PDB file of N, CA and C in Angstrom:
ATOM      1  N   UNK A   1       2.839 -90.567  -3.682  1.00  0.00           N
ATOM      2  CA  UNK A   1       3.384 -89.757  -4.755  1.00  0.00           C
ATOM      3  C   UNK A   1       4.515 -90.548  -5.403  1.00  0.00           C
ATOM      4  N   UNK A   2       4.395 -90.736  -6.672  1.00  0.00           N
ATOM      5  CA  UNK A   2       5.420 -91.439  -7.435  1.00  0.00           C
ATOM      6  C   UNK A   2       6.016 -90.463  -8.444  1.00  0.00           C
ATOM      7  N   UNK A   3       7.067 -90.867  -9.091  1.00  0.00           N
ATOM      8  CA  UNK A   3       7.732 -89.948 -10.014  1.00  0.00           C
ATOM      9  C   UNK A   3       6.852 -89.527 -11.179  1.00  0.00           C
ATOM     10  N   UNK A   4       5.957 -90.394 -11.612  1.00  0.00           N
ATOM     11  CA  UNK A   4       5.154 -90.053 -12.780  1.00  0.00           C
ATOM     12  C   UNK A   4       3.651 -90.204 -12.563  1.00  0.00           C
ATOM     13  N   UNK A   5       3.200 -90.519 -11.352  1.00  0.00           N
ATOM     14  CA  UNK A   5       1.764 -90.604 -11.098  1.00  0.00           C
ATOM     15  C   UNK A   5       1.466 -90.230  -9.653  1.00  0.00           C
ATOM     16  N   UNK A   6       0.214 -89.915  -9.408  1.00  0.00           N
ATOM     17  CA  UNK A   6      -0.215 -89.474  -8.085  1.00  0.00           C
ATOM     18  C   UNK A   6      -1.395 -90.327  -7.647  1.00  0.00           C
ATOM     19  N   UNK A   7      -1.388 -90.730  -6.389  1.00  0.00           N
ATOM     20  CA  UNK A   7      -2.482 -91.520  -5.838  1.00  0.00           C
ATOM     21  C   UNK A   7      -3.069 -90.751  -4.660  1.00  0.00           C
ATOM     22  N   UNK A   8      -4.344 -90.380  -4.751  1.00  0.00           N
ATOM     23  CA  UNK A   8      -4.980 -89.623  -3.676  1.00  0.00           C
ATOM     24  C   UNK A   8      -5.411 -90.562  -2.561  1.00  0.00           C
ATOM     25  N   UNK A   9      -5.175 -90.132  -1.306  1.00  0.00           N
ATOM     26  CA  UNK A   9      -5.552 -90.926  -0.141  1.00  0.00           C
ATOM     27  C   UNK A   9      -6.357 -90.048   0.810  1.00  0.00           C
ATOM     28  N   UNK A  10      -7.156 -90.664   1.668  1.00  0.00           N
ATOM     29  CA  UNK A  10      -7.965 -89.923   2.635  1.00  0.00           C
ATOM     30  C   UNK A  10      -7.283 -89.802   3.993  1.00  0.00           C
ATOM     31  N   UNK A  11      -6.436 -90.759   4.331  1.00  0.00           N
ATOM     32  CA  UNK A  11      -5.764 -90.736   5.633  1.00  0.00           C
ATOM     33  C   UNK A  11      -4.317 -91.171   5.495  1.00  0.00           C
ATOM     34  N   UNK A  12      -3.519 -90.778   6.460  1.00  0.00           N
ATOM     35  CA  UNK A  12      -2.129 -91.216   6.559  1.00  0.00           C
ATOM     36  C   UNK A  12      -1.884 -91.594   8.015  1.00  0.00           C
ATOM     37  N   UNK A  13      -1.061 -92.579   8.242  1.00  0.00           N
ATOM     38  CA  UNK A  13      -0.771 -93.021   9.599  1.00  0.00           C
ATOM     39  C   UNK A  13       0.697 -92.792   9.927  1.00  0.00           C
ATOM     40  N   UNK A  14       1.042 -93.015  11.169  1.00  0.00           N
ATOM     41  CA  UNK A  14       2.416 -92.802  11.627  1.00  0.00           C
ATOM     42  C   UNK A  14       3.387 -93.576  10.745  1.00  0.00           C
ATOM     43  N   UNK A  15       4.422 -92.906  10.302  1.00  0.00           N
ATOM     44  CA  UNK A  15       5.438 -93.526   9.471  1.00  0.00           C
ATOM     45  C   UNK A  15       5.211 -93.356   7.980  1.00  0.00           C
ATOM     46  N   UNK A  16       4.013 -92.954   7.574  1.00  0.00           N
ATOM     47  CA  UNK A  16       3.743 -92.728   6.151  1.00  0.00           C
ATOM     48  C   UNK A  16       4.453 -91.470   5.678  1.00  0.00           C
ATOM     49  N   UNK A  17       4.972 -91.518   4.485  1.00  0.00           N
ATOM     50  CA  UNK A  17       5.566 -90.339   3.857  1.00  0.00           C
ATOM     51  C   UNK A  17       4.620 -89.933   2.739  1.00  0.00           C
ATOM     52  N   UNK A  18       4.123 -88.700   2.818  1.00  0.00           N
ATOM     53  CA  UNK A  18       3.121 -88.237   1.860  1.00  0.00           C
ATOM     54  C   UNK A  18       3.510 -86.874   1.303  1.00  0.00           C
ATOM     55  N   UNK A  19       2.845 -86.473   0.240  1.00  0.00           N
ATOM     56  CA  UNK A  19       3.004 -85.139  -0.327  1.00  0.00           C
ATOM     57  C   UNK A  19       1.666 -84.426  -0.199  1.00  0.00           C
ATOM     58  N   UNK A  20       1.699 -83.171   0.210  1.00  0.00           N
ATOM     59  CA  UNK A  20       0.487 -82.370   0.353  1.00  0.00           C
ATOM     60  C   UNK A  20       0.588 -81.193  -0.599  1.00  0.00           C
ATOM     61  N   UNK A  21      -0.445 -81.009  -1.391  1.00  0.00           N
ATOM     62  CA  UNK A  21      -0.453 -79.923  -2.362  1.00  0.00           C
ATOM     63  C   UNK A  21      -1.302 -78.768  -1.834  1.00  0.00           C
ATOM     64  N   UNK A  22      -0.850 -77.534  -2.045  1.00  0.00           N
ATOM     65  CA  UNK A  22      -1.651 -76.355  -1.729  1.00  0.00           C
ATOM     66  C   UNK A  22      -1.576 -75.880  -0.297  1.00  0.00           C
ATOM     67  N   UNK A  23      -0.648 -76.393   0.497  1.00  0.00           N
ATOM     68  CA  UNK A  23      -0.499 -75.956   1.887  1.00  0.00           C
ATOM     69  C   UNK A  23       0.871 -75.311   2.036  1.00  0.00           C
ATOM     70  N   UNK A  24       0.918 -74.171   2.711  1.00  0.00           N
ATOM     71  CA  UNK A  24       2.197 -73.513   2.963  1.00  0.00           C
ATOM     72  C   UNK A  24       2.909 -74.271   4.074  1.00  0.00           C
ATOM     73  N   UNK A  25       3.880 -75.088   3.700  1.00  0.00           N
ATOM     74  CA  UNK A  25       4.597 -75.887   4.686  1.00  0.00           C
ATOM     75  C   UNK A  25       6.070 -75.939   4.295  1.00  0.00           C
ATOM     76  N   UNK A  26       6.871 -76.444   5.197  1.00  0.00           N
ATOM     77  CA  UNK A  26       8.308 -76.532   4.961  1.00  0.00           C
ATOM     78  C   UNK A  26       8.786 -77.930   5.316  1.00  0.00           C
ATOM     79  N   UNK A  27       9.975 -78.272   4.888  1.00  0.00           N
ATOM     80  CA  UNK A  27      10.553 -79.565   5.222  1.00  0.00           C
ATOM     81  C   UNK A  27      10.593 -79.744   6.729  1.00  0.00           C
ATOM     82  N   UNK A  28      10.192 -80.900   7.191  1.00  0.00           N
ATOM     83  CA  UNK A  28      10.232 -81.192   8.614  1.00  0.00           C
ATOM     84  C   UNK A  28       8.993 -80.796   9.380  1.00  0.00           C
ATOM     85  N   UNK A  29       8.020 -80.148   8.740  1.00  0.00           N
ATOM     86  CA  UNK A  29       6.776 -79.801   9.431  1.00  0.00           C
ATOM     87  C   UNK A  29       6.031 -81.083   9.807  1.00  0.00           C
ATOM     88  N   UNK A  30       5.407 -81.086  10.975  1.00  0.00           N
ATOM     89  CA  UNK A  30       4.631 -82.234  11.443  1.00  0.00           C
ATOM     90  C   UNK A  30       3.190 -81.804  11.616  1.00  0.00           C
ATOM     91  N   UNK A  31       2.265 -82.588  11.070  1.00  0.00           N
ATOM     92  CA  UNK A  31       0.839 -82.311  11.200  1.00  0.00           C
ATOM     93  C   UNK A  31       0.200 -83.449  11.976  1.00  0.00           C
ATOM     94  N   UNK A  32      -0.614 -83.094  12.957  1.00  0.00           N
ATOM     95  CA  UNK A  32      -1.295 -84.108  13.755  1.00  0.00           C
ATOM     96  C   UNK A  32      -2.553 -83.503  14.363  1.00  0.00           C
ATOM     97  N   UNK A  33      -3.386 -84.351  14.935  1.00  0.00           N
ATOM     98  CA  UNK A  33      -4.595 -83.856  15.586  1.00  0.00           C
ATOM     99  C   UNK A  33      -4.215 -83.220  16.921  1.00  0.00           C
ATOM    100  N   UNK A  34      -5.013 -82.272  17.370  1.00  0.00           N
ATOM    101  CA  UNK A  34      -4.705 -81.604  18.640  1.00  0.00           C
ATOM    102  C   UNK A  34      -4.859 -82.552  19.821  1.00  0.00           C
ATOM    103  N   UNK A  35      -5.685 -83.582  19.677  1.00  0.00           N
ATOM    104  CA  UNK A  35      -5.861 -84.546  20.768  1.00  0.00           C
ATOM    105  C   UNK A  35      -4.599 -85.368  21.009  1.00  0.00           C
ATOM    106  N   UNK A  36      -3.798 -85.549  19.988  1.00  0.00           N
ATOM    107  CA  UNK A  36      -2.570 -86.347  20.112  1.00  0.00           C
ATOM    108  C   UNK A  36      -1.376 -85.536  19.618  1.00  0.00           C
ATOM    109  N   UNK A  37      -1.287 -84.312  20.064  1.00  0.00           N
ATOM    110  CA  UNK A  37      -0.204 -83.430  19.621  1.00  0.00           C
ATOM    111  C   UNK A  37       1.138 -83.941  20.127  1.00  0.00           C
ATOM    112  N   UNK A  38       2.166 -83.706  19.365  1.00  0.00           N
ATOM    113  CA  UNK A  38       3.515 -84.093  19.784  1.00  0.00           C
ATOM    114  C   UNK A  38       4.436 -82.892  19.614  1.00  0.00           C
ATOM    115  N   UNK A  39       5.505 -82.882  20.363  1.00  0.00           N
ATOM    116  CA  UNK A  39       6.493 -81.823  20.236  1.00  0.00           C
ATOM    117  C   UNK A  39       7.840 -82.461  19.938  1.00  0.00           C
ATOM    118  N   UNK A  40       8.626 -81.781  19.166  1.00  0.00           N
ATOM    119  CA  UNK A  40       9.954 -82.263  18.819  1.00  0.00           C
ATOM    120  C   UNK A  40      10.997 -81.460  19.578  1.00  0.00           C
ATOM    121  N   UNK A  41      12.078 -82.113  19.949  1.00  0.00           N
ATOM    122  CA  UNK A  41      13.151 -81.428  20.651  1.00  0.00           C
ATOM    123  C   UNK A  41      13.837 -80.441  19.707  1.00  0.00           C
ATOM    124  N   UNK A  42      14.376 -79.362  20.288  1.00  0.00           N
ATOM    125  CA  UNK A  42      15.140 -78.410  19.490  1.00  0.00           C
ATOM    126  C   UNK A  42      16.419 -79.073  18.996  1.00  0.00           C
ATOM    127  N   UNK A  43      16.863 -78.665  17.825  1.00  0.00           N
ATOM    128  CA  UNK A  43      18.106 -79.207  17.294  1.00  0.00           C
ATOM    129  C   UNK A  43      19.275 -78.336  17.724  1.00  0.00           C
ATOM    130  N   UNK A  44      20.434 -78.936  17.817  1.00  0.00           N
ATOM    131  CA  UNK A  44      21.651 -78.193  18.139  1.00  0.00           C
ATOM    132  C   UNK A  44      22.111 -77.458  16.898  1.00  0.00           C
ATOM    133  N   UNK A  45      22.366 -76.172  17.031  1.00  0.00           N
ATOM    134  CA  UNK A  45      22.830 -75.355  15.919  1.00  0.00           C
ATOM    135  C   UNK A  45      24.222 -74.841  16.261  1.00  0.00           C
ATOM    136  N   UNK A  46      25.199 -75.295  15.510  1.00  0.00           N
ATOM    137  CA  UNK A  46      26.584 -74.871  15.738  1.00  0.00           C
ATOM    138  C   UNK A  46      26.795 -73.434  15.280  1.00  0.00           C
ATOM    139  N   UNK A  47      27.837 -72.796  15.794  1.00  0.00           N
ATOM    140  CA  UNK A  47      28.179 -71.441  15.366  1.00  0.00           C
ATOM    141  C   UNK A  47      28.576 -71.448  13.890  1.00  0.00           C
ATOM    142  N   UNK A  48      28.278 -70.362  13.215  1.00  0.00           N
ATOM    143  CA  UNK A  48      28.590 -70.246  11.787  1.00  0.00           C
ATOM    144  C   UNK A  48      30.098 -70.272  11.561  1.00  0.00           C
ATOM    145  N   UNK A  49      30.502 -70.926  10.492  1.00  0.00           N
ATOM    146  CA  UNK A  49      31.912 -70.991  10.131  1.00  0.00           C
ATOM    147  C   UNK A  49      32.215 -69.941   9.065  1.00  0.00           C
ATOM    148  N   UNK A  50      31.255 -69.686   8.191  1.00  0.00           N
ATOM    149  CA  UNK A  50      31.414 -68.729   7.099  1.00  0.00           C
ATOM    150  C   UNK A  50      30.284 -67.713   7.170  1.00  0.00           C
ATOM    151  N   UNK A  51      30.604 -66.442   7.001  1.00  0.00           N
ATOM    152  CA  UNK A  51      29.604 -65.382   6.928  1.00  0.00           C
ATOM    153  C   UNK A  51      29.873 -64.572   5.674  1.00  0.00           C
ATOM    154  N   UNK A  52      28.804 -64.065   5.060  1.00  0.00           N
ATOM    155  CA  UNK A  52      28.993 -63.224   3.884  1.00  0.00           C
ATOM    156  C   UNK A  52      27.910 -62.160   3.831  1.00  0.00           C
ATOM    157  N   UNK A  53      28.195 -61.124   3.112  1.00  0.00           N
ATOM    158  CA  UNK A  53      27.250 -60.025   2.931  1.00  0.00           C
ATOM    159  C   UNK A  53      26.849 -59.965   1.465  1.00  0.00           C
ATOM    160  N   UNK A  54      25.547 -59.787   1.225  1.00  0.00           N
ATOM    161  CA  UNK A  54      25.031 -59.694  -0.139  1.00  0.00           C
ATOM    162  C   UNK A  54      24.288 -58.379  -0.275  1.00  0.00           C
ATOM    163  N   UNK A  55      24.618 -57.601  -1.286  1.00  0.00           N
ATOM    164  CA  UNK A  55      23.970 -56.318  -1.535  1.00  0.00           C
ATOM    165  C   UNK A  55      23.253 -56.361  -2.880  1.00  0.00           C
ATOM    166  N   UNK A  56      21.919 -56.298  -2.888  1.00  0.00           N
ATOM    167  CA  UNK A  56      21.184 -56.299  -4.156  1.00  0.00           C
ATOM    168  C   UNK A  56      21.421 -55.008  -4.929  1.00  0.00           C
ATOM    169  N   UNK A  57      21.353 -55.110  -6.242  1.00  0.00           N
ATOM    170  CA  UNK A  57      21.615 -53.959  -7.099  1.00  0.00           C
ATOM    171  C   UNK A  57      20.434 -52.994  -7.131  1.00  0.00           C
ATOM    172  N   UNK A  58      19.207 -53.529  -7.137  1.00  0.00           N
ATOM    173  CA  UNK A  58      18.024 -52.669  -7.243  1.00  0.00           C
ATOM    174  C   UNK A  58      16.996 -53.031  -6.177  1.00  0.00           C
ATOM    175  N   UNK A  59      15.968 -52.196  -6.058  1.00  0.00           N
ATOM    176  CA  UNK A  59      14.881 -52.439  -5.101  1.00  0.00           C
ATOM    177  C   UNK A  59      14.138 -53.726  -5.440  1.00  0.00           C
ATOM    178  N   UNK A  60      13.927 -53.960  -6.739  1.00  0.00           N
ATOM    179  CA  UNK A  60      13.259 -55.181  -7.184  1.00  0.00           C
ATOM    180  C   UNK A  60      14.057 -56.413  -6.764  1.00  0.00           C
ATOM    181  N   UNK A  61      15.361 -56.349  -6.936  1.00  0.00           N
ATOM    182  CA  UNK A  61      16.225 -57.462  -6.530  1.00  0.00           C
ATOM    183  C   UNK A  61      16.235 -57.618  -5.011  1.00  0.00           C
ATOM    184  N   UNK A  62      16.107 -56.529  -4.275  1.00  0.00           N
ATOM    185  CA  UNK A  62      16.073 -56.587  -2.814  1.00  0.00           C
ATOM    186  C   UNK A  62      14.833 -57.342  -2.334  1.00  0.00           C
ATOM    187  N   UNK A  63      13.697 -57.097  -2.981  1.00  0.00           N
ATOM    188  CA  UNK A  63      12.466 -57.805  -2.623  1.00  0.00           C
ATOM    189  C   UNK A  63      12.587 -59.304  -2.905  1.00  0.00           C
ATOM    190  N   UNK A  64      13.149 -59.642  -4.062  1.00  0.00           N
ATOM    191  CA  UNK A  64      13.332 -61.052  -4.422  1.00  0.00           C
ATOM    192  C   UNK A  64      14.293 -61.733  -3.453  1.00  0.00           C
ATOM    193  N   UNK A  65      15.380 -61.056  -3.105  1.00  0.00           N
ATOM    194  CA  UNK A  65      16.360 -61.605  -2.177  1.00  0.00           C
ATOM    195  C   UNK A  65      15.746 -61.816  -0.804  1.00  0.00           C
ATOM    196  N   UNK A  66      14.947 -60.870  -0.357  1.00  0.00           N
ATOM    197  CA  UNK A  66      14.290 -60.981   0.942  1.00  0.00           C
ATOM    198  C   UNK A  66      13.371 -62.193   0.989  1.00  0.00           C
ATOM    199  N   UNK A  67      12.572 -62.383  -0.044  1.00  0.00           N
ATOM    200  CA  UNK A  67      11.666 -63.540  -0.097  1.00  0.00           C
ATOM    201  C   UNK A  67      12.447 -64.852  -0.106  1.00  0.00           C
ATOM    202  N   UNK A  68      13.529 -64.888  -0.880  1.00  0.00           N
ATOM    203  CA  UNK A  68      14.333 -66.108  -0.963  1.00  0.00           C
ATOM    204  C   UNK A  68      14.983 -66.428   0.381  1.00  0.00           C
ATOM    205  N   UNK A  69      15.507 -65.415   1.056  1.00  0.00           N
ATOM    206  CA  UNK A  69      16.153 -65.634   2.355  1.00  0.00           C
ATOM    207  C   UNK A  69      15.146 -66.054   3.419  1.00  0.00           C
ATOM    208  N   UNK A  70      13.926 -65.487   3.380  1.00  0.00           N
ATOM    209  CA  UNK A  70      12.889 -65.899   4.331  1.00  0.00           C
ATOM    210  C   UNK A  70      12.527 -67.363   4.130  1.00  0.00           C
ATOM    211  N   UNK A  71      12.391 -67.785   2.897  1.00  0.00           N
ATOM    212  CA  UNK A  71      12.063 -69.185   2.608  1.00  0.00           C
ATOM    213  C   UNK A  71      13.215 -70.099   3.041  1.00  0.00           C
ATOM    214  N   UNK A  72      14.425 -69.679   2.768  1.00  0.00           N
ATOM    215  CA  UNK A  72      15.603 -70.466   3.143  1.00  0.00           C
ATOM    216  C   UNK A  72      15.678 -70.607   4.662  1.00  0.00           C
ATOM    217  N   UNK A  73      15.421 -69.520   5.385  1.00  0.00           N
ATOM    218  CA  UNK A  73      15.463 -69.548   6.844  1.00  0.00           C
ATOM    219  C   UNK A  73      14.371 -70.462   7.404  1.00  0.00           C
ATOM    220  N   UNK A  74      13.213 -70.487   6.753  1.00  0.00           N
ATOM    221  CA  UNK A  74      12.118 -71.347   7.193  1.00  0.00           C
ATOM    222  C   UNK A  74      12.476 -72.829   6.969  1.00  0.00           C
ATOM    223  N   UNK A  75      13.116 -73.119   5.851  1.00  0.00           N
ATOM    224  CA  UNK A  75      13.496 -74.493   5.523  1.00  0.00           C
ATOM    225  C   UNK A  75      14.667 -74.995   6.352  1.00  0.00           C
ATOM    226  N   UNK A  76      15.600 -74.109   6.673  1.00  0.00           N
ATOM    227  CA  UNK A  76      16.835 -74.526   7.363  1.00  0.00           C
ATOM    228  C   UNK A  76      17.062 -73.652   8.581  1.00  0.00           C
ATOM    229  N   UNK A  77      16.634 -74.085   9.757  1.00  0.00           N
ATOM    230  CA  UNK A  77      16.781 -73.249  10.960  1.00  0.00           C
ATOM    231  C   UNK A  77      18.235 -73.008  11.344  1.00  0.00           C
ATOM    232  N   UNK A  78      19.167 -73.758  10.797  1.00  0.00           N
ATOM    233  CA  UNK A  78      20.579 -73.530  11.114  1.00  0.00           C
ATOM    234  C   UNK A  78      21.150 -72.350  10.350  1.00  0.00           C
ATOM    235  N   UNK A  79      20.385 -71.774   9.406  1.00  0.00           N
ATOM    236  CA  UNK A  79      20.911 -70.682   8.582  1.00  0.00           C
ATOM    237  C   UNK A  79      20.695 -69.299   9.219  1.00  0.00           C
ATOM    238  N   UNK A  80      20.127 -69.240  10.391  1.00  0.00           N
ATOM    239  CA  UNK A  80      19.811 -67.953  11.017  1.00  0.00           C
ATOM    240  C   UNK A  80      21.021 -67.208  11.456  1.00  0.00           C
TER     241      UNK A  80
END
């Protein structure tokens, strides 16, 4: 994947950085065959320094906020 063009490939090997279109994934996700599965160690998550409360104005805004927070939590496990 380049800034202005795309090159389709059939395979990727260890160390390759690729972009996948149309798959629900998040930063840091690892894909591999089940025959050679790998596990990653858990990361250390420090205690929160700042906490805040957000109150949506309407039900529609509450749904949007919920979706945004779920995506944020999936992308950044330290935000829980």
